[in-house]
Amino acid sequence: MMSTLLTQEFRSTRRLFATAFGLMLLVALVSFATNALRIPVVGGIGFVLGLLVTAMFVPVALALLAACYWRTMYGREGYFTMSIPVRGRTLYASKTLFGLAVALVAAALTLVGGAVGFASFTMANAVPLADGVAQLRETLSVVDASALWFAAASVLVNLVYIVVAGSALMTIGAEGRFNRLGFGAPVIGGALLYVVMQVLGLAAMLFLPFGMRLTGPDAGAFVAQGMWSDFVVAIEDGGSTEPGVIGLGMLPLSILVTALLAWWAVRSVERRTSLR
């Protein structure tokens, strides 16, 4: 049944996402092309526009996913969706997995746009592409490989968190006690979650024993240490001392909150769904 639901999600939204992604990719490519051809005035504007469009792939994908989720679960198509003979957790899982797949495609398109933008920049500055790539690789070589892998993992975890949090907030906001607010319920919930995550994120950075060293011969290495001690020293020195460690507690916090939100959403969709 899961494969059937995922297939249906793809069939019902493929035109929407293909159109959105196709138009954005076309605008980005044309914009970067004007820069690569060094067209006066237009080229510079095109490069900036291309970067802006490239940066919008994931936000646009998430916005469209949110609209589709709300419409099919709690909007005009909600009665049909809830009549499908499967458990609520299966419905929630299928839509969340599909949303994550779309978000990953959007992230991949962002990388493609970034690569095209980099090529456009080198061409506009009369730098051979091979030389530009070599310079980029030389720049990245000073960064520890584990740090790069950690950055990639962080992006993936954040994408999962955003997709799960968005669907969970809409699911919880559709409960009978909240649904009189309409789509305002998940918006308010999102604002509250943001404030809570900022407070918990700061605490996690300061106190969780998981960080990365910023200075010294082992810069870039992971350490079992938070930022609290460096934070205290910085306050005592009036902010003149740079921290030696940056706390990375936000990552395990995001994983934990993602799991809690998913559990809450499954419980909500199975026990408290209201389409009134």
C-alpha atoms as a PDB file:
ATOM      1  CA  MET A   1       0.000   0.000   0.000  1.00  0.00           C
ATOM      2  CA  MET A   2       2.861   2.377   0.748  1.00  0.00           C
ATOM      3  CA  SER A   3       4.169   2.104  -2.814  1.00  0.00           C
ATOM      4  CA  THR A   4       0.664   2.729  -4.145  1.00  0.00           C
ATOM      5  CA  LEU A   5       0.283   5.862  -2.027  1.00  0.00           C
ATOM      6  CA  LEU A   6       3.706   7.151  -3.048  1.00  0.00           C
ATOM      7  CA  THR A   7       2.897   6.514  -6.704  1.00  0.00           C
ATOM      8  CA  GLN A   8      -0.353   8.420  -6.356  1.00  0.00           C
ATOM      9  CA  GLU A   9       1.448  11.330  -4.710  1.00  0.00           C
ATOM     10  CA  PHE A  10       3.842  11.458  -7.654  1.00  0.00           C
ATOM     11  CA  ARG A  11       1.087  11.252 -10.252  1.00  0.00           C
ATOM     12  CA  SER A  12      -1.060  13.927  -8.640  1.00  0.00           C
ATOM     13  CA  THR A  13       1.764  16.447  -8.191  1.00  0.00           C
ATOM     14  CA  ARG A  14       4.250  15.729 -10.977  1.00  0.00           C
ATOM     15  CA  ARG A  15       2.859  18.434 -13.274  1.00  0.00           C
ATOM     16  CA  LEU A  16       2.937  21.014 -10.491  1.00  0.00           C
ATOM     17  CA  PHE A  17       6.532  20.346  -9.464  1.00  0.00           C
ATOM     18  CA  ALA A  18       7.770  19.790 -13.006  1.00  0.00           C
ATOM     19  CA  THR A  19       6.347  23.153 -14.043  1.00  0.00           C
ATOM     20  CA  ALA A  20       7.719  25.001 -11.011  1.00  0.00           C
ATOM     21  CA  PHE A  21      11.179  23.433 -11.145  1.00  0.00           C
ATOM     22  CA  GLY A  22      11.351  23.667 -14.931  1.00  0.00           C
ATOM     23  CA  LEU A  23      10.530  27.376 -15.004  1.00  0.00           C
ATOM     24  CA  MET A  24      12.959  28.155 -12.201  1.00  0.00           C
ATOM     25  CA  LEU A  25      15.741  26.160 -13.838  1.00  0.00           C
ATOM     26  CA  LEU A  26      15.116  27.885 -17.164  1.00  0.00           C
ATOM     27  CA  VAL A  27      15.251  31.341 -15.566  1.00  0.00           C
ATOM     28  CA  ALA A  28      18.450  30.454 -13.712  1.00  0.00           C
ATOM     29  CA  LEU A  29      20.165  29.063 -16.829  1.00  0.00           C
ATOM     30  CA  VAL A  30      19.208  32.051 -19.002  1.00  0.00           C
ATOM     31  CA  SER A  31      20.314  34.442 -16.260  1.00  0.00           C
ATOM     32  CA  PHE A  32      23.689  32.744 -15.863  1.00  0.00           C
ATOM     33  CA  ALA A  33      24.092  32.646 -19.645  1.00  0.00           C
ATOM     34  CA  THR A  34      23.764  36.441 -19.869  1.00  0.00           C
ATOM     35  CA  ASN A  35      26.555  36.705 -17.319  1.00  0.00           C
ATOM     36  CA  ALA A  36      28.771  34.149 -19.072  1.00  0.00           C
ATOM     37  CA  LEU A  37      28.393  36.050 -22.346  1.00  0.00           C
ATOM     38  CA  ARG A  38      29.451  39.227 -20.528  1.00  0.00           C
ATOM     39  CA  ILE A  39      26.489  41.251 -21.751  1.00  0.00           C
ATOM     40  CA  PRO A  40      26.910  44.776 -20.325  1.00  0.00           C
ATOM     41  CA  VAL A  41      24.669  45.594 -17.334  1.00  0.00           C
ATOM     42  CA  VAL A  42      22.330  42.671 -18.058  1.00  0.00           C
ATOM     43  CA  GLY A  43      25.078  40.153 -17.301  1.00  0.00           C
ATOM     44  CA  GLY A  44      25.625  41.335 -13.732  1.00  0.00           C
ATOM     45  CA  ILE A  45      21.912  41.513 -13.040  1.00  0.00           C
ATOM     46  CA  GLY A  46      21.484  38.068 -14.581  1.00  0.00           C
ATOM     47  CA  PHE A  47      24.136  36.562 -12.310  1.00  0.00           C
ATOM     48  CA  VAL A  48      22.444  37.920  -9.180  1.00  0.00           C
ATOM     49  CA  LEU A  49      19.028  36.786 -10.437  1.00  0.00           C
ATOM     50  CA  GLY A  50      20.393  33.332 -11.192  1.00  0.00           C
ATOM     51  CA  LEU A  51      21.764  33.029  -7.665  1.00  0.00           C
ATOM     52  CA  LEU A  52      18.461  34.159  -6.156  1.00  0.00           C
ATOM     53  CA  VAL A  53      16.444  31.675  -8.203  1.00  0.00           C
ATOM     54  CA  THR A  54      18.897  28.894  -7.368  1.00  0.00           C
ATOM     55  CA  ALA A  55      18.553  29.639  -3.659  1.00  0.00           C
ATOM     56  CA  MET A  56      14.746  29.439  -3.927  1.00  0.00           C
ATOM     57  CA  PHE A  57      14.430  25.827  -5.136  1.00  0.00           C
ATOM     58  CA  VAL A  58      14.077  24.344  -1.645  1.00  0.00           C
ATOM     59  CA  PRO A  59      11.825  27.103  -0.187  1.00  0.00           C
ATOM     60  CA  VAL A  60       9.489  26.913  -3.204  1.00  0.00           C
ATOM     61  CA  ALA A  61       9.377  23.115  -2.970  1.00  0.00           C
ATOM     62  CA  LEU A  62       8.534  23.270   0.737  1.00  0.00           C
ATOM     63  CA  ALA A  63       5.807  25.869   0.165  1.00  0.00           C
ATOM     64  CA  LEU A  64       4.183  23.759  -2.564  1.00  0.00           C
ATOM     65  CA  LEU A  65       4.449  20.628  -0.421  1.00  0.00           C
ATOM     66  CA  ALA A  66       2.751  22.406   2.475  1.00  0.00           C
ATOM     67  CA  ALA A  67      -0.103  23.552   0.223  1.00  0.00           C
ATOM     68  CA  CYS A  68      -0.561  20.042  -1.203  1.00  0.00           C
ATOM     69  CA  TYR A  69      -0.446  18.415   2.229  1.00  0.00           C
ATOM     70  CA  TRP A  70      -3.057  20.751   3.687  1.00  0.00           C
ATOM     71  CA  ARG A  71      -5.354  20.439   0.675  1.00  0.00           C
ATOM     72  CA  THR A  72      -5.252  16.647   0.479  1.00  0.00           C
ATOM     73  CA  MET A  73      -5.348  15.951   4.225  1.00  0.00           C
ATOM     74  CA  TYR A  74      -7.536  18.704   5.694  1.00  0.00           C
ATOM     75  CA  GLY A  75      -8.802  20.734   2.742  1.00  0.00           C
ATOM     76  CA  ARG A  76     -11.332  19.948   0.043  1.00  0.00           C
ATOM     77  CA  GLU A  77      -9.756  16.527  -0.666  1.00  0.00           C
ATOM     78  CA  GLY A  78      -9.452  15.560   2.987  1.00  0.00           C
ATOM     79  CA  TYR A  79     -12.633  13.445   3.131  1.00  0.00           C
ATOM     80  CA  PHE A  80     -11.436  11.333   0.226  1.00  0.00           C
ATOM     81  CA  THR A  81      -7.972  10.898   1.738  1.00  0.00           C
ATOM     82  CA  MET A  82      -9.338   9.869   5.130  1.00  0.00           C
ATOM     83  CA  SER A  83     -11.646   7.323   3.475  1.00  0.00           C
ATOM     84  CA  ILE A  84      -8.669   5.323   2.148  1.00  0.00           C
ATOM     85  CA  PRO A  85      -8.612   2.025   4.096  1.00  0.00           C
ATOM     86  CA  VAL A  86      -5.171   2.431   5.668  1.00  0.00           C
ATOM     87  CA  ARG A  87      -3.994   3.551   9.093  1.00  0.00           C
ATOM     88  CA  GLY A  88      -3.313   7.210   9.666  1.00  0.00           C
ATOM     89  CA  ARG A  89       0.385   6.550  10.220  1.00  0.00           C
ATOM     90  CA  THR A  90       0.604   5.052   6.728  1.00  0.00           C
ATOM     91  CA  LEU A  91      -0.973   8.159   5.192  1.00  0.00           C
ATOM     92  CA  TYR A  92       1.324  10.400   7.190  1.00  0.00           C
ATOM     93  CA  ALA A  93       4.431   8.358   6.356  1.00  0.00           C
ATOM     94  CA  SER A  94       3.682   8.298   2.630  1.00  0.00           C
ATOM     95  CA  LYS A  95       3.195  12.049   2.413  1.00  0.00           C
ATOM     96  CA  THR A  96       6.224  12.764   4.574  1.00  0.00           C
ATOM     97  CA  LEU A  97       8.477  10.426   2.575  1.00  0.00           C
ATOM     98  CA  PHE A  98       7.252  11.954  -0.667  1.00  0.00           C
ATOM     99  CA  GLY A  99       7.859  15.435   0.725  1.00  0.00           C
ATOM    100  CA  LEU A 100      11.399  14.481   1.695  1.00  0.00           C
ATOM    101  CA  ALA A 101      12.041  13.082  -1.796  1.00  0.00           C
ATOM    102  CA  VAL A 102      10.850  16.332  -3.395  1.00  0.00           C
ATOM    103  CA  ALA A 103      12.962  18.376  -0.980  1.00  0.00           C
ATOM    104  CA  LEU A 104      16.034  16.302  -1.892  1.00  0.00           C
ATOM    105  CA  VAL A 105      15.360  16.851  -5.596  1.00  0.00           C
ATOM    106  CA  ALA A 106      15.116  20.590  -4.910  1.00  0.00           C
ATOM    107  CA  ALA A 107      18.415  20.459  -3.006  1.00  0.00           C
ATOM    108  CA  ALA A 108      20.025  18.623  -5.934  1.00  0.00           C
ATOM    109  CA  LEU A 109      18.758  21.296  -8.329  1.00  0.00           C
ATOM    110  CA  THR A 110      20.266  23.912  -6.021  1.00  0.00           C
ATOM    111  CA  LEU A 111      23.630  22.186  -6.372  1.00  0.00           C
ATOM    112  CA  VAL A 112      23.197  22.058 -10.150  1.00  0.00           C
ATOM    113  CA  GLY A 113      22.347  25.752 -10.232  1.00  0.00           C
ATOM    114  CA  GLY A 114      25.331  26.515  -8.041  1.00  0.00           C
ATOM    115  CA  ALA A 115      27.638  24.594 -10.372  1.00  0.00           C
ATOM    116  CA  VAL A 116      26.261  26.419 -13.409  1.00  0.00           C
ATOM    117  CA  GLY A 117      26.625  29.724 -11.585  1.00  0.00           C
ATOM    118  CA  PHE A 118      30.246  28.905 -10.758  1.00  0.00           C
ATOM    119  CA  ALA A 119      30.935  28.076 -14.409  1.00  0.00           C
ATOM    120  CA  SER A 120      29.231  31.312 -15.429  1.00  0.00           C
ATOM    121  CA  PHE A 121      31.391  33.286 -13.014  1.00  0.00           C
ATOM    122  CA  THR A 122      34.639  31.790 -14.348  1.00  0.00           C
ATOM    123  CA  MET A 123      33.621  32.417 -17.961  1.00  0.00           C
ATOM    124  CA  ALA A 124      32.617  36.010 -17.218  1.00  0.00           C
ATOM    125  CA  ASN A 125      36.047  36.593 -15.663  1.00  0.00           C
ATOM    126  CA  ALA A 126      37.907  34.904 -18.525  1.00  0.00           C
ATOM    127  CA  VAL A 127      39.168  32.139 -16.227  1.00  0.00           C
ATOM    128  CA  PRO A 128      39.382  28.635 -17.723  1.00  0.00           C
ATOM    129  CA  LEU A 129      36.846  26.368 -16.055  1.00  0.00           C
ATOM    130  CA  ALA A 130      39.509  23.790 -15.232  1.00  0.00           C
ATOM    131  CA  ASP A 131      41.556  26.447 -13.424  1.00  0.00           C
ATOM    132  CA  GLY A 132      38.485  27.602 -11.512  1.00  0.00           C
ATOM    133  CA  VAL A 133      37.701  24.044 -10.421  1.00  0.00           C
ATOM    134  CA  ALA A 134      41.322  23.559  -9.368  1.00  0.00           C
ATOM    135  CA  GLN A 135      41.185  26.714  -7.243  1.00  0.00           C
ATOM    136  CA  LEU A 136      37.939  25.572  -5.659  1.00  0.00           C
ATOM    137  CA  ARG A 137      39.399  22.176  -4.835  1.00  0.00           C
ATOM    138  CA  GLU A 138      42.471  23.848  -3.342  1.00  0.00           C
ATOM    139  CA  THR A 139      40.254  26.017  -1.160  1.00  0.00           C
ATOM    140  CA  LEU A 140      38.230  23.028   0.027  1.00  0.00           C
ATOM    141  CA  SER A 141      41.357  20.984   0.675  1.00  0.00           C
ATOM    142  CA  VAL A 142      42.129  23.038   3.778  1.00  0.00           C
ATOM    143  CA  VAL A 143      38.815  21.896   5.290  1.00  0.00           C
ATOM    144  CA  ASP A 144      38.861  18.545   7.052  1.00  0.00           C
ATOM    145  CA  ALA A 145      36.930  15.872   5.144  1.00  0.00           C
ATOM    146  CA  SER A 146      34.976  14.946   8.271  1.00  0.00           C
ATOM    147  CA  ALA A 147      33.759  18.537   8.525  1.00  0.00           C
ATOM    148  CA  LEU A 148      32.457  18.414   4.955  1.00  0.00           C
ATOM    149  CA  TRP A 149      30.647  15.135   5.610  1.00  0.00           C
ATOM    150  CA  PHE A 150      29.224  16.584   8.802  1.00  0.00           C
ATOM    151  CA  ALA A 151      27.969  19.626   6.882  1.00  0.00           C
ATOM    152  CA  ALA A 152      26.252  17.355   4.342  1.00  0.00           C
ATOM    153  CA  ALA A 153      24.688  15.304   7.139  1.00  0.00           C
ATOM    154  CA  SER A 154      23.496  18.498   8.828  1.00  0.00           C
ATOM    155  CA  VAL A 155      21.780  19.645   5.640  1.00  0.00           C
ATOM    156  CA  LEU A 156      20.035  16.277   5.328  1.00  0.00           C
ATOM    157  CA  VAL A 157      18.945  16.305   8.979  1.00  0.00           C
ATOM    158  CA  ASN A 158      17.613  19.858   8.613  1.00  0.00           C
ATOM    159  CA  LEU A 159      15.634  18.909   5.513  1.00  0.00           C
ATOM    160  CA  VAL A 160      14.078  15.955   7.338  1.00  0.00           C
ATOM    161  CA  TYR A 161      13.325  18.177  10.331  1.00  0.00           C
ATOM    162  CA  ILE A 162      11.650  20.872   8.202  1.00  0.00           C
ATOM    163  CA  VAL A 163       9.511  18.380   6.263  1.00  0.00           C
ATOM    164  CA  VAL A 164       8.439  16.467   9.379  1.00  0.00           C
ATOM    165  CA  ALA A 165       7.882  19.626  11.418  1.00  0.00           C
ATOM    166  CA  GLY A 166       5.780  21.212   8.682  1.00  0.00           C
ATOM    167  CA  SER A 167       3.535  18.186   8.214  1.00  0.00           C
ATOM    168  CA  ALA A 168       3.309  17.609  11.987  1.00  0.00           C
ATOM    169  CA  LEU A 169       2.274  21.205  12.678  1.00  0.00           C
ATOM    170  CA  MET A 170      -0.458  21.024  10.037  1.00  0.00           C
ATOM    171  CA  THR A 171      -1.660  17.664  11.382  1.00  0.00           C
ATOM    172  CA  ILE A 172      -1.736  18.832  15.001  1.00  0.00           C
ATOM    173  CA  GLY A 173      -3.291  22.144  13.973  1.00  0.00           C
ATOM    174  CA  ALA A 174      -6.158  20.258  12.305  1.00  0.00           C
ATOM    175  CA  GLU A 175      -7.308  18.738  15.602  1.00  0.00           C
ATOM    176  CA  GLY A 176     -10.812  19.699  16.680  1.00  0.00           C
ATOM    177  CA  ARG A 177      -9.586  22.044  19.397  1.00  0.00           C
ATOM    178  CA  PHE A 178      -7.484  24.027  16.905  1.00  0.00           C
ATOM    179  CA  ASN A 179      -9.103  23.710  13.488  1.00  0.00           C
ATOM    180  CA  ARG A 180     -11.429  26.673  13.976  1.00  0.00           C
ATOM    181  CA  LEU A 181      -8.304  28.734  13.283  1.00  0.00           C
ATOM    182  CA  GLY A 182      -7.896  27.116   9.863  1.00  0.00           C
ATOM    183  CA  PHE A 183      -4.387  27.362   8.455  1.00  0.00           C
ATOM    184  CA  GLY A 184      -3.628  29.906  11.178  1.00  0.00           C
ATOM    185  CA  ALA A 185      -3.193  27.049  13.675  1.00  0.00           C
ATOM    186  CA  PRO A 186      -0.057  25.591  12.044  1.00  0.00           C
ATOM    187  CA  VAL A 187       1.285  29.113  11.453  1.00  0.00           C
ATOM    188  CA  ILE A 188       0.991  29.909  15.159  1.00  0.00           C
ATOM    189  CA  GLY A 189       2.433  26.505  15.997  1.00  0.00           C
ATOM    190  CA  GLY A 190       5.355  27.150  13.674  1.00  0.00           C
ATOM    191  CA  ALA A 191       6.122  30.466  15.372  1.00  0.00           C
ATOM    192  CA  LEU A 192       6.034  28.817  18.807  1.00  0.00           C
ATOM    193  CA  LEU A 193       8.221  25.941  17.616  1.00  0.00           C
ATOM    194  CA  TYR A 194      10.736  28.405  16.211  1.00  0.00           C
ATOM    195  CA  VAL A 195      11.029  30.233  19.552  1.00  0.00           C
ATOM    196  CA  VAL A 196      11.335  26.974  21.492  1.00  0.00           C
ATOM    197  CA  MET A 197      13.982  25.623  19.109  1.00  0.00           C
ATOM    198  CA  GLN A 198      16.017  28.810  19.399  1.00  0.00           C
ATOM    199  CA  VAL A 199      16.077  28.541  23.186  1.00  0.00           C
ATOM    200  CA  LEU A 200      16.766  24.795  23.205  1.00  0.00           C
ATOM    201  CA  GLY A 201      19.319  25.180  20.401  1.00  0.00           C
ATOM    202  CA  LEU A 202      21.302  27.724  22.393  1.00  0.00           C
ATOM    203  CA  ALA A 203      21.230  25.467  25.443  1.00  0.00           C
ATOM    204  CA  ALA A 204      22.327  22.490  23.321  1.00  0.00           C
ATOM    205  CA  MET A 205      25.249  24.441  21.863  1.00  0.00           C
ATOM    206  CA  LEU A 206      26.369  25.513  25.322  1.00  0.00           C
ATOM    207  CA  PHE A 207      25.907  22.344  27.342  1.00  0.00           C
ATOM    208  CA  LEU A 208      25.771  19.241  25.149  1.00  0.00           C
ATOM    209  CA  PRO A 209      29.252  17.641  24.970  1.00  0.00           C
ATOM    210  CA  PHE A 210      29.484  17.706  21.192  1.00  0.00           C
ATOM    211  CA  GLY A 211      31.432  20.358  19.339  1.00  0.00           C
ATOM    212  CA  MET A 212      34.133  21.212  16.830  1.00  0.00           C
ATOM    213  CA  ARG A 213      37.451  22.837  17.660  1.00  0.00           C
ATOM    214  CA  LEU A 214      38.044  26.106  15.819  1.00  0.00           C
ATOM    215  CA  THR A 215      41.629  26.902  16.791  1.00  0.00           C
ATOM    216  CA  GLY A 216      44.938  25.142  17.271  1.00  0.00           C
ATOM    217  CA  PRO A 217      46.594  22.328  15.337  1.00  0.00           C
ATOM    218  CA  ASP A 218      43.510  20.132  15.640  1.00  0.00           C
ATOM    219  CA  ALA A 219      41.130  22.749  14.239  1.00  0.00           C
ATOM    220  CA  GLY A 220      38.181  21.056  12.576  1.00  0.00           C
ATOM    221  CA  ALA A 221      38.304  18.022  14.866  1.00  0.00           C
ATOM    222  CA  PHE A 222      35.216  16.921  16.772  1.00  0.00           C
ATOM    223  CA  VAL A 223      35.454  17.086  20.562  1.00  0.00           C
ATOM    224  CA  ALA A 224      33.261  15.970  23.454  1.00  0.00           C
ATOM    225  CA  GLN A 225      32.783  19.524  24.652  1.00  0.00           C
ATOM    226  CA  GLY A 226      30.168  22.241  24.492  1.00  0.00           C
ATOM    227  CA  MET A 227      30.638  26.015  24.392  1.00  0.00           C
ATOM    228  CA  TRP A 228      29.819  26.823  28.004  1.00  0.00           C
ATOM    229  CA  SER A 229      33.394  27.233  29.261  1.00  0.00           C
ATOM    230  CA  ASP A 230      34.399  29.378  26.268  1.00  0.00           C
ATOM    231  CA  PHE A 231      31.178  31.358  26.646  1.00  0.00           C
ATOM    232  CA  VAL A 232      31.988  32.160  30.284  1.00  0.00           C
ATOM    233  CA  VAL A 233      35.541  33.215  29.357  1.00  0.00           C
ATOM    234  CA  ALA A 234      34.235  35.451  26.568  1.00  0.00           C
ATOM    235  CA  ILE A 235      31.846  37.184  28.973  1.00  0.00           C
ATOM    236  CA  GLU A 236      34.597  37.709  31.542  1.00  0.00           C
ATOM    237  CA  ASP A 237      36.875  39.181  28.850  1.00  0.00           C
ATOM    238  CA  GLY A 238      34.183  41.439  27.497  1.00  0.00           C
ATOM    239  CA  GLY A 239      33.919  39.465  24.251  1.00  0.00           C
ATOM    240  CA  SER A 240      37.558  39.954  23.266  1.00  0.00           C
ATOM    241  CA  THR A 241      38.357  36.226  23.420  1.00  0.00           C
ATOM    242  CA  GLU A 242      37.334  34.112  20.446  1.00  0.00           C
ATOM    243  CA  PRO A 243      35.736  30.748  21.330  1.00  0.00           C
ATOM    244  CA  GLY A 244      37.965  27.728  20.750  1.00  0.00           C
ATOM    245  CA  VAL A 245      35.031  25.365  20.273  1.00  0.00           C
ATOM    246  CA  ILE A 246      31.690  25.760  18.543  1.00  0.00           C
ATOM    247  CA  GLY A 247      28.879  23.673  19.956  1.00  0.00           C
ATOM    248  CA  LEU A 248      27.122  21.307  17.557  1.00  0.00           C
ATOM    249  CA  GLY A 249      24.368  20.232  19.898  1.00  0.00           C
ATOM    250  CA  MET A 250      21.739  21.562  17.506  1.00  0.00           C
ATOM    251  CA  LEU A 251      22.146  18.462  15.339  1.00  0.00           C
ATOM    252  CA  PRO A 252      21.185  15.815  17.930  1.00  0.00           C
ATOM    253  CA  LEU A 253      18.498  18.200  19.198  1.00  0.00           C
ATOM    254  CA  SER A 254      16.983  18.386  15.696  1.00  0.00           C
ATOM    255  CA  ILE A 255      16.988  14.589  15.424  1.00  0.00           C
ATOM    256  CA  LEU A 256      15.246  14.248  18.802  1.00  0.00           C
ATOM    257  CA  VAL A 257      12.632  16.914  18.050  1.00  0.00           C
ATOM    258  CA  THR A 258      11.995  15.382  14.620  1.00  0.00           C
ATOM    259  CA  ALA A 259      11.262  12.011  16.221  1.00  0.00           C
ATOM    260  CA  LEU A 260       8.966  13.595  18.826  1.00  0.00           C
ATOM    261  CA  LEU A 261       7.047  15.591  16.215  1.00  0.00           C
ATOM    262  CA  ALA A 262       6.613  12.528  14.006  1.00  0.00           C
ATOM    263  CA  TRP A 263       5.252  10.539  16.978  1.00  0.00           C
ATOM    264  CA  TRP A 264       2.893  13.369  17.931  1.00  0.00           C
ATOM    265  CA  ALA A 265       1.678  13.745  14.337  1.00  0.00           C
ATOM    266  CA  VAL A 266       0.965  10.016  13.958  1.00  0.00           C
ATOM    267  CA  ARG A 267      -0.941  10.008  17.247  1.00  0.00           C
ATOM    268  CA  SER A 268      -2.883  13.094  16.167  1.00  0.00           C
ATOM    269  CA  VAL A 269      -3.847  11.870  12.702  1.00  0.00           C
ATOM    270  CA  GLU A 270      -5.036   8.532  14.054  1.00  0.00           C
ATOM    271  CA  ARG A 271      -6.944   9.772  17.117  1.00  0.00           C
ATOM    272  CA  ARG A 272      -7.856  13.429  16.735  1.00  0.00           C
ATOM    273  CA  THR A 273      -8.318  14.253  13.070  1.00  0.00           C
ATOM    274  CA  SER A 274     -11.203  16.638  12.533  1.00  0.00           C
ATOM    275  CA  LEU A 275     -12.404  17.866   9.139  1.00  0.00           C
ATOM    276  CA  ARG A 276     -15.162  20.120  10.433  1.00  0.00           C
END
